[in-house]
Structure formats: C-alpha cells, structure tokens
Amino acid sequence: MKAIVRLIDTVSEYTGRTALWLSIALVLVLTYETTARYVFNSPTQWAFETSYMIGATLAVLGWSYTHRHRGHIRVDVFYTRLPARGKAIVDVASSFIFLFPLLTVLIYTAYTSMMFSWKLNEKLTESSFLPPAGPIKTVLLLGICLFALQCIAQFIRDIYVLTRNKAYD
C-alpha cells in the first residue's frame, strides 16, 4: 500500500513541477497579446483562447500537487487545535461526505463533456480562432483524475493514522 501511495505522490509532485512551467508560457502569451494590442494596435485572434487553455491546464494539473502539500484552504478555527487522530477523523468524514461524491460528479461530467467534444469535433467559440475543445477537455479530465488519486492517497494516510494512531511515514 505504501508503494502505491508513494507512486501517487511522485506523479503528483512531477505533474505539479512540470505544470509550473506553463506559467511562463502563459506570461509570454499574455505579454505578446498586450504588446500586439497596445503597442502595435494589432490584436491577435488566438491569444485569449490560448491563455484560457494554458491557465486551465495550469490550474487543473496543480490541484494534485497542492493537495499533496496540503495547500488547499481549510477553515482552521478548530482543525488546527485537534490532535493528529482528530484531524484524521475530520478528514475521513469530510472525504466520505463531500470530497468523494464531488469527485465522482466531476469525473463523470468531465468524461461525458470530453467524449462529446471529440465525437462532434466541438470548437471553442470565445473568439474567431476556433481551436478544438477536445484536447483541453481531455486535460481537464486528466487533472481531475490525478487529483482524485492524490485524494485517495491522502485518505489512505488518514485511515492509517486512525487505525495505528501514529503518523504515516
């Protein structure tokens, strides 16, 4: 079980560190568009949707990395004062009640949306650039699945803390 958790952690770490480089691409695209628009009075047709796709990819591929490093927002009024076992109880309960049902809906919705896009050759229509929607929707599904895997790895850690009453190493 520890090998699986380590593998998921490694994938999340690698994905997050790789996705980080997309922020440079996003800045370059937006800088190019801003310069073309305001300096040369020649806006592009592709920059908005390209920046939209890069930003979405950056966000969705960063979810698992952020979850791995416990960087998502929590309401810490009581949580921080709990012992490790109490935190694990809260995490396990909230995973069952909120997280896993939400992930199920997200994965199902992303999958059906992706399949629809590929079958009908859907295009993004925010501009006249009209790029295909299938690739970005596939990346969104991939990111959600990676996030779900990292949530499962964290769930395993929490169960370990509950059953063994010691930190997962």
C-alpha atoms as a PDB file:
ATOM      1  CA  MET A   1       0.000   0.000   0.000  1.00  0.00           C
ATOM      2  CA  LYS A   2       2.859   2.357   0.832  1.00  0.00           C
ATOM      3  CA  ALA A   3       4.346   1.792  -2.613  1.00  0.00           C
ATOM      4  CA  ILE A   4       1.085   2.861  -4.245  1.00  0.00           C
ATOM      5  CA  VAL A   5       0.856   5.985  -2.095  1.00  0.00           C
ATOM      6  CA  ARG A   6       4.498   6.796  -2.903  1.00  0.00           C
ATOM      7  CA  LEU A   7       3.818   6.333  -6.621  1.00  0.00           C
ATOM      8  CA  ILE A   8       0.784   8.652  -6.481  1.00  0.00           C
ATOM      9  CA  ASP A   9       2.821  11.221  -4.537  1.00  0.00           C
ATOM     10  CA  THR A  10       5.607  11.026  -7.116  1.00  0.00           C
ATOM     11  CA  VAL A  11       3.178  11.502 -10.006  1.00  0.00           C
ATOM     12  CA  SER A  12       1.583  14.486  -8.243  1.00  0.00           C
ATOM     13  CA  GLU A  13       4.962  16.007  -7.497  1.00  0.00           C
ATOM     14  CA  TYR A  14       6.197  15.568 -11.058  1.00  0.00           C
ATOM     15  CA  THR A  15       2.952  16.860 -12.569  1.00  0.00           C
ATOM     16  CA  GLY A  16       2.931  19.929 -10.334  1.00  0.00           C
ATOM     17  CA  ARG A  17       6.533  20.808 -11.017  1.00  0.00           C
ATOM     18  CA  THR A  18       6.035  20.315 -14.758  1.00  0.00           C
ATOM     19  CA  ALA A  19       2.830  22.355 -14.826  1.00  0.00           C
ATOM     20  CA  LEU A  20       4.680  25.174 -13.107  1.00  0.00           C
ATOM     21  CA  TRP A  21       6.465  25.871 -16.393  1.00  0.00           C
ATOM     22  CA  LEU A  22       3.115  26.595 -18.013  1.00  0.00           C
ATOM     23  CA  SER A  23       3.001  29.818 -16.015  1.00  0.00           C
ATOM     24  CA  ILE A  24       5.948  31.070 -18.077  1.00  0.00           C
ATOM     25  CA  ALA A  25       4.128  30.172 -21.289  1.00  0.00           C
ATOM     26  CA  LEU A  26       1.034  31.971 -20.007  1.00  0.00           C
ATOM     27  CA  VAL A  27       3.007  35.120 -19.207  1.00  0.00           C
ATOM     28  CA  LEU A  28       4.647  35.029 -22.645  1.00  0.00           C
ATOM     29  CA  VAL A  29       1.318  34.667 -24.473  1.00  0.00           C
ATOM     30  CA  LEU A  30      -0.279  37.476 -22.473  1.00  0.00           C
ATOM     31  CA  THR A  31       2.762  39.720 -22.905  1.00  0.00           C
ATOM     32  CA  TYR A  32       2.711  39.110 -26.646  1.00  0.00           C
ATOM     33  CA  GLU A  33      -1.008  39.893 -26.840  1.00  0.00           C
ATOM     34  CA  THR A  34      -0.692  43.029 -24.735  1.00  0.00           C
ATOM     35  CA  THR A  35       2.220  44.286 -26.805  1.00  0.00           C
ATOM     36  CA  ALA A  36       0.492  43.484 -30.088  1.00  0.00           C
ATOM     37  CA  ARG A  37      -2.736  45.129 -28.967  1.00  0.00           C
ATOM     38  CA  TYR A  38      -1.500  48.300 -27.296  1.00  0.00           C
ATOM     39  CA  VAL A  39       1.863  48.974 -28.916  1.00  0.00           C
ATOM     40  CA  PHE A  40       1.198  47.864 -32.487  1.00  0.00           C
ATOM     41  CA  ASN A  41      -2.614  48.209 -32.479  1.00  0.00           C
ATOM     42  CA  SER A  42      -2.830  44.702 -33.927  1.00  0.00           C
ATOM     43  CA  PRO A  43      -4.601  42.334 -31.510  1.00  0.00           C
ATOM     44  CA  THR A  44      -4.413  38.602 -32.153  1.00  0.00           C
ATOM     45  CA  GLN A  45      -7.282  36.176 -32.537  1.00  0.00           C
ATOM     46  CA  TRP A  46      -5.580  33.287 -30.812  1.00  0.00           C
ATOM     47  CA  ALA A  47      -4.131  34.749 -27.608  1.00  0.00           C
ATOM     48  CA  PHE A  48      -7.298  34.848 -25.488  1.00  0.00           C
ATOM     49  CA  GLU A  49      -8.238  31.217 -26.006  1.00  0.00           C
ATOM     50  CA  THR A  50      -4.638  30.080 -25.818  1.00  0.00           C
ATOM     51  CA  SER A  51      -4.199  31.843 -22.478  1.00  0.00           C
ATOM     52  CA  TYR A  52      -7.523  30.394 -21.335  1.00  0.00           C
ATOM     53  CA  MET A  53      -6.362  26.858 -22.192  1.00  0.00           C
ATOM     54  CA  ILE A  54      -2.902  27.310 -20.647  1.00  0.00           C
ATOM     55  CA  GLY A  55      -4.414  28.779 -17.475  1.00  0.00           C
ATOM     56  CA  ALA A  56      -6.952  25.974 -17.155  1.00  0.00           C
ATOM     57  CA  THR A  57      -4.234  23.373 -17.694  1.00  0.00           C
ATOM     58  CA  LEU A  58      -2.003  25.034 -15.119  1.00  0.00           C
ATOM     59  CA  ALA A  59      -4.809  25.105 -12.558  1.00  0.00           C
ATOM     60  CA  VAL A  60      -6.148  21.601 -13.037  1.00  0.00           C
ATOM     61  CA  LEU A  61      -2.718  19.958 -13.136  1.00  0.00           C
ATOM     62  CA  GLY A  62      -1.757  21.852  -9.992  1.00  0.00           C
ATOM     63  CA  TRP A  63      -4.638  20.504  -7.903  1.00  0.00           C
ATOM     64  CA  SER A  64      -2.981  17.190  -7.049  1.00  0.00           C
ATOM     65  CA  TYR A  65       0.332  18.904  -6.249  1.00  0.00           C
ATOM     66  CA  THR A  66      -1.434  21.401  -3.992  1.00  0.00           C
ATOM     67  CA  HIS A  67      -3.373  18.640  -2.254  1.00  0.00           C
ATOM     68  CA  ARG A  68      -0.177  16.639  -1.780  1.00  0.00           C
ATOM     69  CA  HIS A  69       1.371  19.571   0.077  1.00  0.00           C
ATOM     70  CA  ARG A  70      -1.876  20.318   1.963  1.00  0.00           C
ATOM     71  CA  GLY A  71      -2.115  23.720   0.346  1.00  0.00           C
ATOM     72  CA  HIS A  72      -5.872  23.887  -0.159  1.00  0.00           C
ATOM     73  CA  ILE A  73      -7.834  26.273   2.016  1.00  0.00           C
ATOM     74  CA  ARG A  74      -9.297  24.968   5.260  1.00  0.00           C
ATOM     75  CA  VAL A  75     -11.436  26.508   7.938  1.00  0.00           C
ATOM     76  CA  ASP A  76      -8.814  26.267  10.647  1.00  0.00           C
ATOM     77  CA  VAL A  77     -10.782  27.592  13.610  1.00  0.00           C
ATOM     78  CA  PHE A  78     -10.947  24.183  15.276  1.00  0.00           C
ATOM     79  CA  TYR A  79      -8.986  21.918  12.947  1.00  0.00           C
ATOM     80  CA  THR A  80      -5.522  23.230  13.862  1.00  0.00           C
ATOM     81  CA  ARG A  81      -6.172  22.603  17.557  1.00  0.00           C
ATOM     82  CA  LEU A  82      -7.086  18.960  17.031  1.00  0.00           C
ATOM     83  CA  PRO A  83      -4.585  16.163  17.617  1.00  0.00           C
ATOM     84  CA  ALA A  84      -3.445  14.130  14.588  1.00  0.00           C
ATOM     85  CA  ARG A  85      -6.114  11.498  15.193  1.00  0.00           C
ATOM     86  CA  GLY A  86      -8.850  14.155  15.438  1.00  0.00           C
ATOM     87  CA  LYS A  87      -7.670  15.716  12.176  1.00  0.00           C
ATOM     88  CA  ALA A  88      -7.753  12.288  10.559  1.00  0.00           C
ATOM     89  CA  ILE A  89     -11.336  11.745  11.754  1.00  0.00           C
ATOM     90  CA  VAL A  90     -12.416  15.088  10.305  1.00  0.00           C
ATOM     91  CA  ASP A  91     -10.588  14.375   7.034  1.00  0.00           C
ATOM     92  CA  VAL A  92     -12.045  10.866   6.639  1.00  0.00           C
ATOM     93  CA  ALA A  93     -15.572  12.040   7.437  1.00  0.00           C
ATOM     94  CA  SER A  94     -15.398  15.036   5.107  1.00  0.00           C
ATOM     95  CA  SER A  95     -13.909  12.865   2.368  1.00  0.00           C
ATOM     96  CA  PHE A  96     -16.866  10.472   2.565  1.00  0.00           C
ATOM     97  CA  ILE A  97     -19.493  13.192   2.870  1.00  0.00           C
ATOM     98  CA  PHE A  98     -18.147  15.841   0.488  1.00  0.00           C
ATOM     99  CA  LEU A  99     -14.951  15.027  -1.399  1.00  0.00           C
ATOM    100  CA  PHE A 100     -15.593  11.609  -2.934  1.00  0.00           C
ATOM    101  CA  PRO A 101     -19.154  12.414  -4.085  1.00  0.00           C
ATOM    102  CA  LEU A 102     -17.876  15.666  -5.609  1.00  0.00           C
ATOM    103  CA  LEU A 103     -15.020  13.880  -7.364  1.00  0.00           C
ATOM    104  CA  THR A 104     -17.438  11.300  -8.743  1.00  0.00           C
ATOM    105  CA  VAL A 105     -19.614  14.038 -10.239  1.00  0.00           C
ATOM    106  CA  LEU A 106     -16.592  15.938 -11.582  1.00  0.00           C
ATOM    107  CA  ILE A 107     -15.073  12.867 -13.234  1.00  0.00           C
ATOM    108  CA  TYR A 108     -18.389  11.806 -14.764  1.00  0.00           C
ATOM    109  CA  THR A 109     -19.134  15.312 -16.050  1.00  0.00           C
ATOM    110  CA  ALA A 110     -15.627  15.850 -17.398  1.00  0.00           C
ATOM    111  CA  TYR A 111     -15.672  12.452 -19.111  1.00  0.00           C
ATOM    112  CA  THR A 112     -19.035  12.988 -20.807  1.00  0.00           C
ATOM    113  CA  SER A 113     -18.042  16.511 -21.844  1.00  0.00           C
ATOM    114  CA  MET A 114     -14.741  15.262 -23.253  1.00  0.00           C
ATOM    115  CA  MET A 115     -16.409  12.448 -25.206  1.00  0.00           C
ATOM    116  CA  PHE A 116     -18.996  14.875 -26.583  1.00  0.00           C
ATOM    117  CA  SER A 117     -16.228  17.233 -27.722  1.00  0.00           C
ATOM    118  CA  TRP A 118     -14.259  14.531 -29.505  1.00  0.00           C
ATOM    119  CA  LYS A 119     -17.317  12.925 -31.149  1.00  0.00           C
ATOM    120  CA  LEU A 120     -18.747  16.167 -32.501  1.00  0.00           C
ATOM    121  CA  ASN A 121     -15.406  17.886 -33.145  1.00  0.00           C
ATOM    122  CA  GLU A 122     -16.515  20.729 -30.867  1.00  0.00           C
ATOM    123  CA  LYS A 123     -14.731  24.071 -31.187  1.00  0.00           C
ATOM    124  CA  LEU A 124     -14.122  26.730 -28.558  1.00  0.00           C
ATOM    125  CA  THR A 125     -16.073  29.775 -29.671  1.00  0.00           C
ATOM    126  CA  GLU A 126     -14.854  32.614 -27.471  1.00  0.00           C
ATOM    127  CA  SER A 127     -13.057  34.119 -30.459  1.00  0.00           C
ATOM    128  CA  SER A 128     -12.744  33.563 -34.177  1.00  0.00           C
ATOM    129  CA  PHE A 129      -9.667  31.380 -33.551  1.00  0.00           C
ATOM    130  CA  LEU A 130     -11.950  28.321 -33.020  1.00  0.00           C
ATOM    131  CA  PRO A 131      -9.497  25.751 -31.610  1.00  0.00           C
ATOM    132  CA  PRO A 132     -10.787  22.222 -30.974  1.00  0.00           C
ATOM    133  CA  ALA A 133     -12.251  21.696 -27.496  1.00  0.00           C
ATOM    134  CA  GLY A 134     -11.342  18.011 -27.204  1.00  0.00           C
ATOM    135  CA  PRO A 135      -7.696  18.448 -26.142  1.00  0.00           C
ATOM    136  CA  ILE A 136      -8.392  20.908 -23.323  1.00  0.00           C
ATOM    137  CA  LYS A 137     -11.322  18.841 -22.070  1.00  0.00           C
ATOM    138  CA  THR A 138      -9.066  15.773 -22.068  1.00  0.00           C
ATOM    139  CA  VAL A 139      -6.503  17.668 -19.989  1.00  0.00           C
ATOM    140  CA  LEU A 140      -9.261  18.722 -17.572  1.00  0.00           C
ATOM    141  CA  LEU A 141     -10.339  15.094 -17.136  1.00  0.00           C
ATOM    142  CA  LEU A 142      -6.721  14.028 -16.629  1.00  0.00           C
ATOM    143  CA  GLY A 143      -6.191  16.706 -13.981  1.00  0.00           C
ATOM    144  CA  ILE A 144      -9.354  15.728 -12.124  1.00  0.00           C
ATOM    145  CA  CYS A 145      -8.296  12.062 -12.183  1.00  0.00           C
ATOM    146  CA  LEU A 146      -4.824  12.934 -10.855  1.00  0.00           C
ATOM    147  CA  PHE A 147      -6.465  14.990  -8.115  1.00  0.00           C
ATOM    148  CA  ALA A 148      -8.737  12.046  -7.267  1.00  0.00           C
ATOM    149  CA  LEU A 149      -5.724   9.748  -6.999  1.00  0.00           C
ATOM    150  CA  GLN A 150      -3.990  12.179  -4.651  1.00  0.00           C
ATOM    151  CA  CYS A 151      -7.177  12.397  -2.571  1.00  0.00           C
ATOM    152  CA  ILE A 152      -7.187   8.598  -2.310  1.00  0.00           C
ATOM    153  CA  ALA A 153      -3.532   8.631  -1.217  1.00  0.00           C
ATOM    154  CA  GLN A 154      -4.337  11.196   1.477  1.00  0.00           C
ATOM    155  CA  PHE A 155      -7.359   9.148   2.519  1.00  0.00           C
ATOM    156  CA  ILE A 156      -5.099   6.107   2.962  1.00  0.00           C
ATOM    157  CA  ARG A 157      -2.778   8.195   5.151  1.00  0.00           C
ATOM    158  CA  ASP A 158      -5.724   9.340   7.264  1.00  0.00           C
ATOM    159  CA  ILE A 159      -7.017   5.784   7.688  1.00  0.00           C
ATOM    160  CA  TYR A 160      -3.507   4.744   8.750  1.00  0.00           C
ATOM    161  CA  VAL A 161      -3.459   7.472  11.417  1.00  0.00           C
ATOM    162  CA  LEU A 162      -6.886   6.328  12.646  1.00  0.00           C
ATOM    163  CA  THR A 163      -6.038   2.633  12.811  1.00  0.00           C
ATOM    164  CA  ARG A 164      -2.431   2.835  14.011  1.00  0.00           C
ATOM    165  CA  ASN A 165      -2.672   6.079  15.983  1.00  0.00           C
ATOM    166  CA  LYS A 166       0.656   7.250  14.597  1.00  0.00           C
ATOM    167  CA  ALA A 167       1.801   9.337  11.654  1.00  0.00           C
ATOM    168  CA  TYR A 168       2.073   7.759   8.217  1.00  0.00           C
ATOM    169  CA  ASP A 169       5.735   7.520   7.279  1.00  0.00           C
END
